[in-house]
N, C-alpha and C. Protein backbone atom coordinates (compact mmCIF):
# COMPACT_ATOMS: atom_id res chain seq x y z
N MET A 1 223.78 121.24 98.60
CA MET A 1 223.09 121.37 99.84
C MET A 1 222.20 122.97 100.11
N ARG A 2 221.63 123.35 101.03
CA ARG A 2 220.91 124.16 101.39
C ARG A 2 221.21 124.34 102.94
N ASN A 3 221.93 126.07 102.92
CA ASN A 3 221.76 126.19 104.75
C ASN A 3 220.51 127.05 104.80
N THR A 4 219.89 126.41 106.03
CA THR A 4 218.73 127.05 106.28
C THR A 4 218.85 127.84 107.57
N VAL A 5 217.86 128.82 107.96
CA VAL A 5 218.63 129.97 108.59
C VAL A 5 217.23 130.50 108.40
N PHE A 6 216.91 130.57 110.53
CA PHE A 6 216.19 130.83 111.39
C PHE A 6 216.51 132.66 111.85
N VAL A 7 215.27 133.78 110.89
CA VAL A 7 215.41 134.56 111.85
C VAL A 7 214.48 135.26 112.40
N ASP A 8 214.09 136.06 113.62
CA ASP A 8 212.88 136.10 114.54
C ASP A 8 212.62 137.24 113.33
N ALA A 9 210.98 137.07 113.38
CA ALA A 9 210.02 138.17 112.12
C ALA A 9 209.66 139.17 112.65
N GLU A 10 210.15 139.47 114.36
CA GLU A 10 209.74 141.15 114.98
C GLU A 10 211.69 141.80 114.47
N ASP A 11 212.44 140.66 114.44
CA ASP A 11 214.29 141.86 114.37
C ASP A 11 214.03 141.64 112.77
N LEU A 12 212.90 141.34 112.14
CA LEU A 12 213.34 141.44 110.67
C LEU A 12 212.52 142.38 110.67
N LEU A 13 211.28 142.42 111.34
CA LEU A 13 210.62 143.61 110.42
C LEU A 13 210.98 145.08 111.48
N GLU A 14 211.75 144.94 112.20
CA GLU A 14 212.23 146.30 112.67
C GLU A 14 213.46 146.56 111.87
N ALA A 15 214.35 145.90 111.17
CA ALA A 15 214.82 146.15 110.10
C ALA A 15 214.97 146.42 108.84
N ILE A 16 213.69 146.24 108.44
CA ILE A 16 213.00 146.33 107.38
C ILE A 16 212.67 148.46 107.76
N GLY A 17 211.86 148.34 109.24
CA GLY A 17 210.92 149.58 109.14
C GLY A 17 212.43 150.39 109.06
N GLU A 18 213.57 149.90 109.67
CA GLU A 18 214.51 150.97 109.86
C GLU A 18 215.26 151.21 108.25
N GLU A 19 215.51 150.49 107.15
CA GLU A 19 216.02 150.72 106.25
C GLU A 19 214.43 152.08 105.51
N TYR A 20 213.17 151.25 105.59
CA TYR A 20 212.21 152.01 105.02
C TYR A 20 212.44 153.78 105.40
N ASP A 21 213.17 153.87 106.62
CA ASP A 21 213.18 155.16 106.89
C ASP A 21 213.64 155.89 106.76
N LYS A 22 215.08 155.72 106.18
CA LYS A 22 216.46 155.99 105.76
C LYS A 22 216.18 155.86 104.05
N GLU A 23 215.48 155.41 103.46
CA GLU A 23 214.95 155.38 101.81
C GLU A 23 214.13 156.65 101.54
N GLU A 24 214.77 157.34 100.40
CA GLU A 24 213.65 158.61 99.90
C GLU A 24 213.53 157.39 98.33
N ASN A 25 213.82 156.32 97.74
CA ASN A 25 213.24 156.26 96.50
C ASN A 25 212.28 155.51 96.77
N GLU A 26 211.09 155.96 95.85
CA GLU A 26 209.52 155.08 95.90
C GLU A 26 209.10 154.06 96.02
N ASP A 27 210.49 153.51 94.98
CA ASP A 27 209.92 152.14 94.40
C ASP A 27 211.04 151.49 95.49
N ILE A 28 211.43 151.78 95.70
CA ILE A 28 212.10 150.78 97.02
C ILE A 28 211.66 150.65 98.31
N LYS A 29 210.96 151.74 98.52
CA LYS A 29 209.84 152.05 99.62
C LYS A 29 209.08 150.76 99.33
N ARG A 30 208.12 151.23 98.27
CA ARG A 30 207.26 150.10 98.08
C ARG A 30 207.64 148.87 98.01
N GLY A 31 208.72 148.76 97.57
CA GLY A 31 209.43 146.72 97.81
C GLY A 31 209.89 146.39 99.34
N LEU A 32 210.08 147.55 99.99
CA LEU A 32 209.79 147.47 101.47
C LEU A 32 208.60 147.29 102.05
N ASN A 33 207.80 147.83 101.72
CA ASN A 33 206.76 147.43 102.49
C ASN A 33 206.02 145.93 102.06
N LEU A 34 205.71 145.87 100.77
CA LEU A 34 205.85 144.14 100.19
C LEU A 34 206.25 143.31 100.86
N ALA A 35 207.84 143.48 101.38
CA ALA A 35 208.88 142.51 102.65
C ALA A 35 207.72 142.80 103.55
N LYS A 36 207.75 143.51 104.13
CA LYS A 36 206.82 143.61 105.16
C LYS A 36 205.38 143.01 105.41
N TYR A 37 204.96 143.03 104.49
CA TYR A 37 203.56 142.47 104.20
C TYR A 37 203.68 141.15 104.00
N CYS A 38 205.01 140.47 103.27
CA CYS A 38 205.62 139.29 103.42
C CYS A 38 205.58 138.25 104.94
N VAL A 39 206.37 139.45 105.29
CA VAL A 39 206.68 139.22 106.93
C VAL A 39 205.18 138.63 107.63
N LYS A 40 204.61 139.79 107.61
CA LYS A 40 203.21 139.65 108.15
C LYS A 40 202.39 138.53 108.27
N CYS A 41 202.44 138.31 106.67
CA CYS A 41 201.34 137.39 106.14
C CYS A 41 202.08 136.02 106.72
N ALA A 42 203.19 135.86 106.98
CA ALA A 42 203.85 134.77 107.45
C ALA A 42 204.18 134.52 108.93
N THR A 43 203.74 135.18 109.38
CA THR A 43 203.01 135.56 111.20
C THR A 43 202.18 135.63 112.11
N ASN A 44 201.76 136.77 111.01
CA ASN A 44 200.36 137.06 111.43
C ASN A 44 198.92 136.94 110.09
N PRO A 45 198.43 136.81 109.49
CA PRO A 45 197.76 136.80 108.48
C PRO A 45 196.54 138.48 108.83
N LEU A 46 196.10 138.00 110.02
CA LEU A 46 195.11 139.16 110.02
C LEU A 46 195.58 140.42 110.06
N GLU A 47 196.76 140.07 110.87
CA GLU A 47 197.57 141.43 110.90
C GLU A 47 198.21 142.48 109.59
N ALA A 48 198.86 141.87 108.59
CA ALA A 48 198.79 141.62 107.10
C ALA A 48 198.41 143.07 106.59
N GLN A 49 196.84 142.54 106.65
CA GLN A 49 196.31 144.01 106.10
C GLN A 49 196.47 145.04 106.28
N ASP A 50 196.91 145.55 107.46
CA ASP A 50 196.87 146.59 108.03
C ASP A 50 198.52 146.81 107.59
N ILE A 51 199.48 146.61 106.88
CA ILE A 51 200.87 147.30 107.25
C ILE A 51 200.53 147.40 105.55
N PHE A 52 200.17 146.53 104.35
CA PHE A 52 200.46 147.07 103.01
C PHE A 52 199.58 148.32 102.90
N GLN A 53 200.03 149.62 102.96
CA GLN A 53 199.39 150.69 102.09
C GLN A 53 199.35 150.89 100.73
N MET A 54 198.97 151.69 100.38
CA MET A 54 198.94 152.35 98.15
C MET A 54 199.88 152.98 98.77
N SER A 55 200.82 153.83 97.90
CA SER A 55 201.44 154.97 98.04
C SER A 55 201.19 155.29 96.65
N TRP A 56 201.37 157.23 96.71
CA TRP A 56 201.02 157.68 95.34
C TRP A 56 202.47 157.47 94.93
N ILE A 57 202.42 157.87 93.36
CA ILE A 57 203.61 157.53 92.66
C ILE A 57 203.27 158.91 91.80
N SER A 58 204.53 159.41 92.12
CA SER A 58 204.46 161.18 90.54
C SER A 58 204.56 160.09 89.41
N VAL A 59 203.86 160.99 88.70
CA VAL A 59 204.06 161.05 87.21
C VAL A 59 205.20 161.38 86.46
N LYS A 60 206.18 162.61 87.32
CA LYS A 60 207.98 162.12 87.14
C LYS A 60 208.51 161.32 87.16
N ASP A 61 208.32 160.32 88.39
CA ASP A 61 209.19 159.41 88.52
C ASP A 61 208.48 158.32 87.28
N ARG A 62 207.30 158.06 86.94
CA ARG A 62 206.78 156.40 86.41
C ARG A 62 205.56 157.21 85.56
N LEU A 63 205.09 156.49 84.61
CA LEU A 63 203.40 156.43 84.42
C LEU A 63 202.98 154.73 84.73
N PRO A 64 201.31 154.67 84.18
CA PRO A 64 201.02 153.79 84.78
C PRO A 64 200.84 152.85 83.34
N LYS A 65 200.29 151.76 83.47
CA LYS A 65 200.41 150.98 82.29
C LYS A 65 199.05 151.12 81.54
N PRO A 66 198.51 151.38 79.82
CA PRO A 66 198.06 151.89 79.51
C PRO A 66 196.82 151.08 79.98
N GLY A 67 195.37 151.56 79.37
CA GLY A 67 194.39 150.88 79.52
C GLY A 67 193.68 150.16 80.94
N GLU A 68 193.92 151.31 81.84
CA GLU A 68 193.19 150.64 83.27
C GLU A 68 192.31 152.21 83.69
N LEU A 69 191.68 152.42 85.11
CA LEU A 69 191.49 152.93 85.35
C LEU A 69 192.60 153.29 86.90
N TYR A 70 192.84 154.64 87.45
CA TYR A 70 193.66 154.81 88.55
C TYR A 70 193.04 155.82 89.20
N LEU A 71 193.62 155.37 90.28
CA LEU A 71 192.97 157.03 91.25
C LEU A 71 194.11 158.00 91.02
N VAL A 72 194.30 159.22 91.05
CA VAL A 72 195.22 159.98 90.70
C VAL A 72 194.58 161.39 91.31
N TRP A 73 195.87 161.94 92.17
CA TRP A 73 195.77 163.60 92.64
C TRP A 73 196.26 164.02 92.10
N HIS A 74 195.07 165.74 91.58
CA HIS A 74 195.83 166.69 90.42
C HIS A 74 195.92 167.80 91.18
N ILE A 75 195.97 168.94 90.64
CA ILE A 75 196.78 170.33 91.19
C ILE A 75 195.61 171.11 91.71
N CYS A 76 194.02 170.29 91.33
CA CYS A 76 193.43 171.34 92.63
C CYS A 76 193.58 170.61 93.78
N ASN A 77 194.01 169.92 94.32
CA ASN A 77 194.90 168.97 95.43
C ASN A 77 192.88 167.87 95.66
N GLU A 78 192.74 167.03 94.75
CA GLU A 78 192.17 166.56 94.56
C GLU A 78 192.26 165.10 94.21
N ALA A 79 191.54 164.14 95.14
CA ALA A 79 191.88 162.72 94.25
C ALA A 79 190.29 162.18 93.07
N GLU A 80 190.65 161.46 92.19
CA GLU A 80 189.61 161.75 91.41
C GLU A 80 190.28 160.09 90.04
N ILE A 81 189.03 159.50 90.14
CA ILE A 81 189.59 158.59 88.96
C ILE A 81 189.60 158.79 87.91
N PHE A 82 190.88 158.46 87.17
CA PHE A 82 190.85 158.55 85.73
C PHE A 82 191.43 157.20 85.07
N HIS A 83 191.18 157.44 83.35
CA HIS A 83 191.47 156.31 82.41
C HIS A 83 193.04 156.85 82.31
N TYR A 84 193.61 155.89 81.89
CA TYR A 84 195.08 156.31 81.62
C TYR A 84 195.74 155.07 79.96
N ASP A 85 195.03 155.70 79.24
CA ASP A 85 195.02 155.21 77.84
C ASP A 85 195.23 156.14 76.58
N TYR A 86 194.92 155.70 75.52
CA TYR A 86 195.42 155.91 74.08
C TYR A 86 194.20 156.94 73.56
N ILE A 87 193.78 158.08 73.29
CA ILE A 87 193.08 158.96 73.06
C ILE A 87 192.99 159.11 71.65
N TYR A 88 192.02 160.20 70.91
CA TYR A 88 192.03 160.34 69.60
C TYR A 88 192.70 159.19 68.74
N GLY A 89 191.95 158.61 68.66
CA GLY A 89 192.44 157.66 67.37
C GLY A 89 193.51 156.69 67.96
N GLY A 90 193.71 156.54 69.02
CA GLY A 90 195.29 155.68 69.60
C GLY A 90 196.82 157.21 69.29
N LYS A 91 196.37 158.47 69.38
CA LYS A 91 197.25 158.86 68.57
C LYS A 91 198.07 159.76 70.17
N LYS A 92 197.31 159.86 71.23
CA LYS A 92 197.85 160.11 72.76
C LYS A 92 197.28 159.54 73.42
N LEU A 93 198.56 159.09 74.56
CA LEU A 93 198.39 158.44 75.25
C LEU A 93 198.90 159.62 76.69
N CYS A 94 197.61 159.34 77.43
CA CYS A 94 197.37 160.50 78.56
C CYS A 94 195.97 160.34 79.23
N PHE A 95 196.16 160.78 80.14
CA PHE A 95 195.26 160.19 81.70
C PHE A 95 193.72 161.50 81.52
N TYR A 96 193.10 161.30 81.11
CA TYR A 96 191.46 161.48 81.13
C TYR A 96 190.50 161.31 81.56
N LYS A 97 189.22 161.10 81.44
CA LYS A 97 187.88 160.97 82.36
C LYS A 97 187.29 161.46 80.93
N ASP A 98 185.86 160.78 81.23
CA ASP A 98 184.68 161.06 79.85
C ASP A 98 183.78 161.94 80.48
N ASP A 99 183.66 163.31 79.71
CA ASP A 99 182.82 164.22 80.08
C ASP A 99 181.39 163.84 79.81
N GLU A 100 180.47 164.37 79.69
CA GLU A 100 179.25 163.57 80.31
C GLU A 100 178.39 163.56 79.33
N ASN A 101 178.88 163.48 77.76
CA ASN A 101 178.71 163.12 76.83
C ASN A 101 179.33 161.78 75.92
N GLY A 102 180.16 161.49 77.16
CA GLY A 102 181.03 160.04 76.70
C GLY A 102 182.92 160.53 76.06
N TYR A 103 182.98 161.89 76.01
CA TYR A 103 183.94 161.54 75.31
C TYR A 103 185.07 162.20 76.23
N PRO A 104 186.14 161.77 75.79
CA PRO A 104 187.40 161.91 76.70
C PRO A 104 187.70 163.51 76.77
N VAL A 105 187.89 163.57 77.99
CA VAL A 105 188.68 165.72 78.13
C VAL A 105 189.88 164.83 78.86
N GLU A 106 190.96 165.70 78.17
CA GLU A 106 192.77 165.37 78.60
C GLU A 106 192.86 165.71 80.11
N GLU A 107 192.90 165.77 80.55
CA GLU A 107 193.87 165.63 81.81
C GLU A 107 194.88 165.97 82.55
N ASP A 108 196.35 165.63 81.09
CA ASP A 108 197.80 165.55 82.14
C ASP A 108 198.65 166.11 82.36
N ASP A 109 198.01 167.68 81.88
CA ASP A 109 198.26 168.97 82.63
C ASP A 109 198.04 169.12 84.49
N TRP A 110 197.51 168.41 84.74
CA TRP A 110 196.52 168.39 86.11
C TRP A 110 197.15 167.28 87.25
N VAL A 111 197.26 166.15 86.28
CA VAL A 111 197.81 165.43 87.08
C VAL A 111 199.14 164.98 87.49
N THR A 112 199.64 165.24 89.20
CA THR A 112 200.52 165.14 89.10
C THR A 112 200.93 163.61 90.65
N HIS A 113 200.02 163.55 90.85
CA HIS A 113 200.40 161.49 91.05
C HIS A 113 199.19 160.74 90.52
N TRP A 114 199.13 159.38 90.55
CA TRP A 114 198.61 158.08 90.80
C TRP A 114 198.68 156.90 91.14
N MET A 115 198.04 156.41 91.67
CA MET A 115 197.79 154.77 92.42
C MET A 115 196.72 153.78 91.64
N PRO A 116 197.17 152.62 92.32
CA PRO A 116 196.47 151.67 91.24
C PRO A 116 195.50 151.74 92.11
N LEU A 117 194.05 150.93 91.34
CA LEU A 117 192.64 151.26 92.36
C LEU A 117 192.73 149.97 93.51
N PRO A 118 192.40 149.77 94.34
CA PRO A 118 192.47 148.58 95.37
C PRO A 118 191.43 147.80 94.85
N GLU A 119 191.69 146.48 95.28
CA GLU A 119 190.83 145.35 95.31
C GLU A 119 190.14 145.65 95.56
N PRO A 120 188.71 145.23 94.92
CA PRO A 120 186.65 145.35 95.38
C PRO A 120 187.01 144.96 96.57
N PRO A 121 185.76 145.22 97.90
CA PRO A 121 185.29 144.32 98.75
C PRO A 121 185.36 142.85 98.36
N THR A 122 185.60 141.86 98.93
CA THR A 122 184.78 140.37 98.90
C THR A 122 183.56 140.21 99.68
N GLY A 123 182.51 139.67 99.60
CA GLY A 123 181.55 139.54 100.09
C GLY A 123 180.73 140.13 100.26
N VAL A 124 180.11 141.15 99.60
CA VAL A 124 179.81 142.76 99.09
C VAL A 124 178.29 142.46 98.27
N LYS A 125 177.37 142.08 98.90
CA LYS A 125 175.67 142.13 97.52
C LYS A 125 175.06 143.77 97.26
């Protein structure tokens, strides 16, 4: 038999916010943001989109999944979109962008942080 527990959404959001403020691990902070998002979706879907914010991930903490594009931050204090995949015939996994001739230019030494690209907007023609 299951026990049902009812919790006030505002109390739960406050508790999540307090834990977020104390937490130092970025992965746990992202999980707490997701928990906030889920509570907001259940209580007020229109406000939910403002709560879920993407966070920068340090390349020292974790590298992304190969084969996709990512928003990266590099040592020149700029954000750009780079590939993260194998180059040189599959011999090297790295961040890169294509030069004007379509050849990959390795940028691993420049990239300090990354994040997945957001979903494209809907309903735009």
